[in-house]
């Protein structure tokens, strides 16, 4: 319950999808 383990790879995996406002190119540039 404490550590999320991916059943396919048996490795710890943290993943989240966040909705953010802005254009695709602006978000790409901010990420880079």
ModelCIF file with pLDDT and N, C-alpha, C, O atoms, coordinates in Angstrom:
data_MODEL
#
_entry.id   MODEL 
#
_entity.id                         1 
_entity.type                       polymer 
_entity.pdbx_number_of_molecules   1 
#
_entity_poly.entity_id                      1 
_entity_poly.type                           'polypeptide(L)' 
_entity_poly.nstd_linkage                   no 
_entity_poly.nstd_monomer                   no 
_entity_poly.pdbx_seq_one_letter_code       
;(UNK)(UNK)(UNK)(UNK)(UNK)(UNK)(UNK)(UNK)(UNK)(UNK)(UNK)(UNK)(UNK)(UNK)(UNK)(UNK)
(UNK)(UNK)(UNK)(UNK)(UNK)(UNK)(UNK)(UNK)(UNK)(UNK)(UNK)(UNK)(UNK)(UNK)(UNK)(UNK)
;
_entity_poly.pdbx_seq_one_letter_code_can   XXXXXXXXXXXXXXXXXXXXXXXXXXXXXXXX 
_entity_poly.pdbx_strand_id                 A 
#
loop_
_entity_poly_seq.entity_id 
_entity_poly_seq.num 
_entity_poly_seq.mon_id 
_entity_poly_seq.hetero 
1 1  UNK n 
1 2  UNK n 
1 3  UNK n 
1 4  UNK n 
1 5  UNK n 
1 6  UNK n 
1 7  UNK n 
1 8  UNK n 
1 9  UNK n 
1 10 UNK n 
1 11 UNK n 
1 12 UNK n 
1 13 UNK n 
1 14 UNK n 
1 15 UNK n 
1 16 UNK n 
1 17 UNK n 
1 18 UNK n 
1 19 UNK n 
1 20 UNK n 
1 21 UNK n 
1 22 UNK n 
1 23 UNK n 
1 24 UNK n 
1 25 UNK n 
1 26 UNK n 
1 27 UNK n 
1 28 UNK n 
1 29 UNK n 
1 30 UNK n 
1 31 UNK n 
1 32 UNK n 
#
_struct_asym.id          A 
_struct_asym.entity_id   1 
#
loop_
_ma_qa_metric.id 
_ma_qa_metric.mode 
_ma_qa_metric.name 
_ma_qa_metric.software_group_id 
_ma_qa_metric.type 
1 global pLDDT . pLDDT 
2 local  pLDDT . pLDDT 
#
_ma_qa_metric_global.metric_id      1 
_ma_qa_metric_global.metric_value   85.59 
_ma_qa_metric_global.model_id       1 
_ma_qa_metric_global.ordinal_id     1 
#
loop_
_ma_qa_metric_local.label_asym_id 
_ma_qa_metric_local.label_comp_id 
_ma_qa_metric_local.label_seq_id 
_ma_qa_metric_local.metric_id 
_ma_qa_metric_local.metric_value 
_ma_qa_metric_local.model_id 
_ma_qa_metric_local.ordinal_id 
A UNK 1  2 61.00 1 1  
A UNK 2  2 74.00 1 2  
A UNK 3  2 79.00 1 3  
A UNK 4  2 82.00 1 4  
A UNK 5  2 84.00 1 5  
A UNK 6  2 84.00 1 6  
A UNK 7  2 87.00 1 7  
A UNK 8  2 90.00 1 8  
A UNK 9  2 87.00 1 9  
A UNK 10 2 85.00 1 10 
A UNK 11 2 84.00 1 11 
A UNK 12 2 82.00 1 12 
A UNK 13 2 82.00 1 13 
A UNK 14 2 81.00 1 14 
A UNK 15 2 82.00 1 15 
A UNK 16 2 85.00 1 16 
A UNK 17 2 85.00 1 17 
A UNK 18 2 84.00 1 18 
A UNK 19 2 87.00 1 19 
A UNK 20 2 85.00 1 20 
A UNK 21 2 90.00 1 21 
A UNK 22 2 88.00 1 22 
A UNK 23 2 90.00 1 23 
A UNK 24 2 89.00 1 24 
A UNK 25 2 91.00 1 25 
A UNK 26 2 92.00 1 26 
A UNK 27 2 91.00 1 27 
A UNK 28 2 92.00 1 28 
A UNK 29 2 93.00 1 29 
A UNK 30 2 92.00 1 30 
A UNK 31 2 90.00 1 31 
A UNK 32 2 91.00 1 32 
#
loop_
_atom_site.group_PDB 
_atom_site.id 
_atom_site.type_symbol 
_atom_site.label_atom_id 
_atom_site.label_alt_id 
_atom_site.label_comp_id 
_atom_site.label_asym_id 
_atom_site.label_entity_id 
_atom_site.label_seq_id 
_atom_site.pdbx_PDB_ins_code 
_atom_site.Cartn_x 
_atom_site.Cartn_y 
_atom_site.Cartn_z 
_atom_site.occupancy 
_atom_site.B_iso_or_equiv 
_atom_site.pdbx_formal_charge 
_atom_site.auth_seq_id 
_atom_site.auth_comp_id 
_atom_site.auth_asym_id 
_atom_site.auth_atom_id 
_atom_site.pdbx_PDB_model_num 
ATOM 1   N N  . UNK A 1 1  ? 0.813  -1.207 0.000   1.00 61.00 ? 1  UNK A N  1 
ATOM 2   C CA . UNK A 1 1  ? 0.000  0.000  0.000   1.00 61.00 ? 1  UNK A CA 1 
ATOM 3   C C  . UNK A 1 1  ? 0.853  1.266  0.000   1.00 61.00 ? 1  UNK A C  1 
ATOM 4   O O  . UNK A 1 1  ? 0.385  2.319  -0.434  1.00 61.00 ? 1  UNK A O  1 
ATOM 5   N N  . UNK A 1 2  ? 2.091  1.184  0.477   1.00 74.00 ? 2  UNK A N  1 
ATOM 6   C CA . UNK A 1 2  ? 2.926  2.369  0.600   1.00 74.00 ? 2  UNK A CA 1 
ATOM 7   C C  . UNK A 1 2  ? 3.717  2.668  -0.663  1.00 74.00 ? 2  UNK A C  1 
ATOM 8   O O  . UNK A 1 2  ? 3.933  3.837  -0.985  1.00 74.00 ? 2  UNK A O  1 
ATOM 9   N N  . UNK A 1 3  ? 4.153  1.647  -1.384  1.00 79.00 ? 3  UNK A N  1 
ATOM 10  C CA . UNK A 1 3  ? 5.021  1.837  -2.540  1.00 79.00 ? 3  UNK A CA 1 
ATOM 11  C C  . UNK A 1 3  ? 4.314  1.336  -3.786  1.00 79.00 ? 3  UNK A C  1 
ATOM 12  O O  . UNK A 1 3  ? 3.984  0.153  -3.865  1.00 79.00 ? 3  UNK A O  1 
ATOM 13  N N  . UNK A 1 4  ? 4.066  2.218  -4.779  1.00 82.00 ? 4  UNK A N  1 
ATOM 14  C CA . UNK A 1 4  ? 3.399  1.764  -6.006  1.00 82.00 ? 4  UNK A CA 1 
ATOM 15  C C  . UNK A 1 4  ? 4.371  0.998  -6.908  1.00 82.00 ? 4  UNK A C  1 
ATOM 16  O O  . UNK A 1 4  ? 5.340  1.568  -7.410  1.00 82.00 ? 4  UNK A O  1 
ATOM 17  N N  . UNK A 1 5  ? 4.106  -0.288 -7.108  1.00 84.00 ? 5  UNK A N  1 
ATOM 18  C CA . UNK A 1 5  ? 4.961  -1.142 -7.926  1.00 84.00 ? 5  UNK A CA 1 
ATOM 19  C C  . UNK A 1 5  ? 4.233  -1.460 -9.228  1.00 84.00 ? 5  UNK A C  1 
ATOM 20  O O  . UNK A 1 5  ? 3.075  -1.878 -9.218  1.00 84.00 ? 5  UNK A O  1 
ATOM 21  N N  . UNK A 1 6  ? 4.927  -1.256 -10.350 1.00 84.00 ? 6  UNK A N  1 
ATOM 22  C CA . UNK A 1 6  ? 4.374  -1.570 -11.659 1.00 84.00 ? 6  UNK A CA 1 
ATOM 23  C C  . UNK A 1 6  ? 4.337  -3.089 -11.820 1.00 84.00 ? 6  UNK A C  1 
ATOM 24  O O  . UNK A 1 6  ? 5.381  -3.730 -11.699 1.00 84.00 ? 6  UNK A O  1 
ATOM 25  N N  . UNK A 1 7  ? 3.173  -3.689 -12.089 1.00 87.00 ? 7  UNK A N  1 
ATOM 26  C CA . UNK A 1 7  ? 3.099  -5.155 -12.188 1.00 87.00 ? 7  UNK A CA 1 
ATOM 27  C C  . UNK A 1 7  ? 3.843  -5.730 -13.393 1.00 87.00 ? 7  UNK A C  1 
ATOM 28  O O  . UNK A 1 7  ? 4.238  -6.895 -13.367 1.00 87.00 ? 7  UNK A O  1 
ATOM 29  N N  . UNK A 1 8  ? 4.040  -4.938 -14.442 1.00 90.00 ? 8  UNK A N  1 
ATOM 30  C CA . UNK A 1 8  ? 4.730  -5.454 -15.629 1.00 90.00 ? 8  UNK A CA 1 
ATOM 31  C C  . UNK A 1 8  ? 6.239  -5.520 -15.435 1.00 90.00 ? 8  UNK A C  1 
ATOM 32  O O  . UNK A 1 8  ? 6.878  -6.489 -15.844 1.00 90.00 ? 8  UNK A O  1 
ATOM 33  N N  . UNK A 1 9  ? 6.813  -4.486 -14.809 1.00 87.00 ? 9  UNK A N  1 
ATOM 34  C CA . UNK A 1 9  ? 8.273  -4.427 -14.671 1.00 87.00 ? 9  UNK A CA 1 
ATOM 35  C C  . UNK A 1 9  ? 8.770  -4.769 -13.271 1.00 87.00 ? 9  UNK A C  1 
ATOM 36  O O  . UNK A 1 9  ? 9.969  -4.964 -13.076 1.00 87.00 ? 9  UNK A O  1 
ATOM 37  N N  . UNK A 1 10 ? 7.870  -4.844 -12.297 1.00 85.00 ? 10 UNK A N  1 
ATOM 38  C CA . UNK A 1 10 ? 8.226  -5.061 -10.890 1.00 85.00 ? 10 UNK A CA 1 
ATOM 39  C C  . UNK A 1 10 ? 9.172  -3.985 -10.367 1.00 85.00 ? 10 UNK A C  1 
ATOM 40  O O  . UNK A 1 10 ? 10.028 -4.260 -9.526  1.00 85.00 ? 10 UNK A O  1 
ATOM 41  N N  . UNK A 1 11 ? 9.018  -2.771 -10.861 1.00 84.00 ? 11 UNK A N  1 
ATOM 42  C CA . UNK A 1 11 ? 9.797  -1.633 -10.392 1.00 84.00 ? 11 UNK A CA 1 
ATOM 43  C C  . UNK A 1 11 ? 8.853  -0.602 -9.802  1.00 84.00 ? 11 UNK A C  1 
ATOM 44  O O  . UNK A 1 11 ? 7.671  -0.559 -10.143 1.00 84.00 ? 11 UNK A O  1 
ATOM 45  N N  . UNK A 1 12 ? 9.381  0.223  -8.919  1.00 82.00 ? 12 UNK A N  1 
ATOM 46  C CA . UNK A 1 12 ? 8.590  1.292  -8.312  1.00 82.00 ? 12 UNK A CA 1 
ATOM 47  C C  . UNK A 1 12 ? 8.307  2.342  -9.377  1.00 82.00 ? 12 UNK A C  1 
ATOM 48  O O  . UNK A 1 12 ? 9.206  2.756  -10.108 1.00 82.00 ? 12 UNK A O  1 
ATOM 49  N N  . UNK A 1 13 ? 7.039  2.774  -9.460  1.00 82.00 ? 13 UNK A N  1 
ATOM 50  C CA . UNK A 1 13 ? 6.664  3.717  -10.501 1.00 82.00 ? 13 UNK A CA 1 
ATOM 51  C C  . UNK A 1 13 ? 5.715  4.769  -9.922  1.00 82.00 ? 13 UNK A C  1 
ATOM 52  O O  . UNK A 1 13 ? 4.641  4.447  -9.413  1.00 82.00 ? 13 UNK A O  1 
ATOM 53  N N  . UNK A 1 14 ? 6.138  6.032  -10.012 1.00 81.00 ? 14 UNK A N  1 
ATOM 54  C CA . UNK A 1 14 ? 5.296  7.157  -9.627  1.00 81.00 ? 14 UNK A CA 1 
ATOM 55  C C  . UNK A 1 14 ? 4.910  7.890  -10.898 1.00 81.00 ? 14 UNK A C  1 
ATOM 56  O O  . UNK A 1 14 ? 5.776  8.257  -11.692 1.00 81.00 ? 14 UNK A O  1 
ATOM 57  N N  . UNK A 1 15 ? 3.616  8.104  -11.096 1.00 82.00 ? 15 UNK A N  1 
ATOM 58  C CA . UNK A 1 15 ? 3.160  8.756  -12.315 1.00 82.00 ? 15 UNK A CA 1 
ATOM 59  C C  . UNK A 1 15 ? 1.897  9.537  -12.023 1.00 82.00 ? 15 UNK A C  1 
ATOM 60  O O  . UNK A 1 15 ? 0.989  9.052  -11.347 1.00 82.00 ? 15 UNK A O  1 
ATOM 61  N N  . UNK A 1 16 ? 1.851  10.761 -12.543 1.00 85.00 ? 16 UNK A N  1 
ATOM 62  C CA . UNK A 1 16 ? 0.687  11.618 -12.353 1.00 85.00 ? 16 UNK A CA 1 
ATOM 63  C C  . UNK A 1 16 ? 0.474  12.425 -13.618 1.00 85.00 ? 16 UNK A C  1 
ATOM 64  O O  . UNK A 1 16 ? 1.436  12.880 -14.238 1.00 85.00 ? 16 UNK A O  1 
ATOM 65  N N  . UNK A 1 17 ? -0.778 12.604 -14.005 1.00 85.00 ? 17 UNK A N  1 
ATOM 66  C CA . UNK A 1 17 ? -1.131 13.476 -15.128 1.00 85.00 ? 17 UNK A CA 1 
ATOM 67  C C  . UNK A 1 17 ? -1.814 14.698 -14.540 1.00 85.00 ? 17 UNK A C  1 
ATOM 68  O O  . UNK A 1 17 ? -2.783 14.587 -13.789 1.00 85.00 ? 17 UNK A O  1 
ATOM 69  N N  . UNK A 1 18 ? -1.289 15.876 -14.897 1.00 84.00 ? 18 UNK A N  1 
ATOM 70  C CA . UNK A 1 18 ? -1.799 17.135 -14.356 1.00 84.00 ? 18 UNK A CA 1 
ATOM 71  C C  . UNK A 1 18 ? -2.316 17.977 -15.504 1.00 84.00 ? 18 UNK A C  1 
ATOM 72  O O  . UNK A 1 18 ? -1.627 18.146 -16.511 1.00 84.00 ? 18 UNK A O  1 
ATOM 73  N N  . UNK A 1 19 ? -3.528 18.509 -15.363 1.00 87.00 ? 19 UNK A N  1 
ATOM 74  C CA . UNK A 1 19 ? -4.073 19.435 -16.351 1.00 87.00 ? 19 UNK A CA 1 
ATOM 75  C C  . UNK A 1 19 ? -3.547 20.829 -16.043 1.00 87.00 ? 19 UNK A C  1 
ATOM 76  O O  . UNK A 1 19 ? -3.690 21.321 -14.923 1.00 87.00 ? 19 UNK A O  1 
ATOM 77  N N  . UNK A 1 20 ? -2.939 21.463 -17.039 1.00 85.00 ? 20 UNK A N  1 
ATOM 78  C CA . UNK A 1 20 ? -2.337 22.785 -16.860 1.00 85.00 ? 20 UNK A CA 1 
ATOM 79  C C  . UNK A 1 20 ? -2.786 23.681 -18.004 1.00 85.00 ? 20 UNK A C  1 
ATOM 80  O O  . UNK A 1 20 ? -2.898 23.239 -19.147 1.00 85.00 ? 20 UNK A O  1 
ATOM 81  N N  . UNK A 1 21 ? -3.040 24.943 -17.685 1.00 90.00 ? 21 UNK A N  1 
ATOM 82  C CA . UNK A 1 21 ? -3.452 25.878 -18.730 1.00 90.00 ? 21 UNK A CA 1 
ATOM 83  C C  . UNK A 1 21 ? -2.217 26.392 -19.459 1.00 90.00 ? 21 UNK A C  1 
ATOM 84  O O  . UNK A 1 21 ? -1.136 26.477 -18.877 1.00 90.00 ? 21 UNK A O  1 
ATOM 85  N N  . UNK A 1 22 ? -2.378 26.730 -20.720 1.00 88.00 ? 22 UNK A N  1 
ATOM 86  C CA . UNK A 1 22 ? -1.292 27.244 -21.543 1.00 88.00 ? 22 UNK A CA 1 
ATOM 87  C C  . UNK A 1 22 ? -1.222 26.488 -22.856 1.00 88.00 ? 22 UNK A C  1 
ATOM 88  O O  . UNK A 1 22 ? -1.804 25.414 -23.007 1.00 88.00 ? 22 UNK A O  1 
ATOM 89  N N  . UNK A 1 23 ? -0.507 27.062 -23.790 1.00 90.00 ? 23 UNK A N  1 
ATOM 90  C CA . UNK A 1 23 ? -0.376 26.398 -25.082 1.00 90.00 ? 23 UNK A CA 1 
ATOM 91  C C  . UNK A 1 23 ? 0.676  25.300 -25.001 1.00 90.00 ? 23 UNK A C  1 
ATOM 92  O O  . UNK A 1 23 ? 1.512  25.283 -24.097 1.00 90.00 ? 23 UNK A O  1 
ATOM 93  N N  . UNK A 1 24 ? 0.620  24.395 -25.952 1.00 89.00 ? 24 UNK A N  1 
ATOM 94  C CA . UNK A 1 24 ? 1.529  23.263 -25.979 1.00 89.00 ? 24 UNK A CA 1 
ATOM 95  C C  . UNK A 1 24 ? 2.981  23.719 -26.105 1.00 89.00 ? 24 UNK A C  1 
ATOM 96  O O  . UNK A 1 24 ? 3.858  23.173 -25.436 1.00 89.00 ? 24 UNK A O  1 
ATOM 97  N N  . UNK A 1 25 ? 3.240  24.696 -26.938 1.00 91.00 ? 25 UNK A N  1 
ATOM 98  C CA . UNK A 1 25 ? 4.614  25.153 -27.144 1.00 91.00 ? 25 UNK A CA 1 
ATOM 99  C C  . UNK A 1 25 ? 5.153  25.871 -25.904 1.00 91.00 ? 25 UNK A C  1 
ATOM 100 O O  . UNK A 1 25 ? 6.329  25.724 -25.570 1.00 91.00 ? 25 UNK A O  1 
ATOM 101 N N  . UNK A 1 26 ? 4.296  26.656 -25.212 1.00 92.00 ? 26 UNK A N  1 
ATOM 102 C CA . UNK A 1 26 ? 4.737  27.325 -23.986 1.00 92.00 ? 26 UNK A CA 1 
ATOM 103 C C  . UNK A 1 26 ? 5.075  26.323 -22.893 1.00 92.00 ? 26 UNK A C  1 
ATOM 104 O O  . UNK A 1 26 ? 6.089  26.463 -22.210 1.00 92.00 ? 26 UNK A O  1 
ATOM 105 N N  . UNK A 1 27 ? 4.227  25.313 -22.726 1.00 91.00 ? 27 UNK A N  1 
ATOM 106 C CA . UNK A 1 27 ? 4.495  24.290 -21.709 1.00 91.00 ? 27 UNK A CA 1 
ATOM 107 C C  . UNK A 1 27 ? 5.741  23.483 -22.043 1.00 91.00 ? 27 UNK A C  1 
ATOM 108 O O  . UNK A 1 27 ? 6.496  23.105 -21.147 1.00 91.00 ? 27 UNK A O  1 
ATOM 109 N N  . UNK A 1 28 ? 5.961  23.217 -23.321 1.00 92.00 ? 28 UNK A N  1 
ATOM 110 C CA . UNK A 1 28 ? 7.161  22.494 -23.739 1.00 92.00 ? 28 UNK A CA 1 
ATOM 111 C C  . UNK A 1 28 ? 8.413  23.306 -23.401 1.00 92.00 ? 28 UNK A C  1 
ATOM 112 O O  . UNK A 1 28 ? 9.385  22.764 -22.875 1.00 92.00 ? 28 UNK A O  1 
ATOM 113 N N  . UNK A 1 29 ? 8.385  24.605 -23.704 1.00 93.00 ? 29 UNK A N  1 
ATOM 114 C CA . UNK A 1 29 ? 9.532  25.462 -23.419 1.00 93.00 ? 29 UNK A CA 1 
ATOM 115 C C  . UNK A 1 29 ? 9.791  25.581 -21.922 1.00 93.00 ? 29 UNK A C  1 
ATOM 116 O O  . UNK A 1 29 ? 10.945 25.587 -21.494 1.00 93.00 ? 29 UNK A O  1 
ATOM 117 N N  . UNK A 1 30 ? 8.731  25.675 -21.120 1.00 92.00 ? 30 UNK A N  1 
ATOM 118 C CA . UNK A 1 30 ? 8.892  25.742 -19.672 1.00 92.00 ? 30 UNK A CA 1 
ATOM 119 C C  . UNK A 1 30 ? 9.488  24.449 -19.116 1.00 92.00 ? 30 UNK A C  1 
ATOM 120 O O  . UNK A 1 30 ? 10.310 24.475 -18.200 1.00 92.00 ? 30 UNK A O  1 
ATOM 121 N N  . UNK A 1 31 ? 9.067  23.332 -19.677 1.00 90.00 ? 31 UNK A N  1 
ATOM 122 C CA . UNK A 1 31 ? 9.587  22.044 -19.232 1.00 90.00 ? 31 UNK A CA 1 
ATOM 123 C C  . UNK A 1 31 ? 11.066 21.899 -19.577 1.00 90.00 ? 31 UNK A C  1 
ATOM 124 O O  . UNK A 1 31 ? 11.851 21.430 -18.753 1.00 90.00 ? 31 UNK A O  1 
ATOM 125 N N  . UNK A 1 32 ? 11.448 22.293 -20.775 1.00 91.00 ? 32 UNK A N  1 
ATOM 126 C CA . UNK A 1 32 ? 12.858 22.231 -21.184 1.00 91.00 ? 32 UNK A CA 1 
ATOM 127 C C  . UNK A 1 32 ? 13.690 23.186 -20.325 1.00 91.00 ? 32 UNK A C  1 
ATOM 128 O O  . UNK A 1 32 ? 14.904 23.284 -20.509 1.00 91.00 ? 32 UNK A O  1 
#
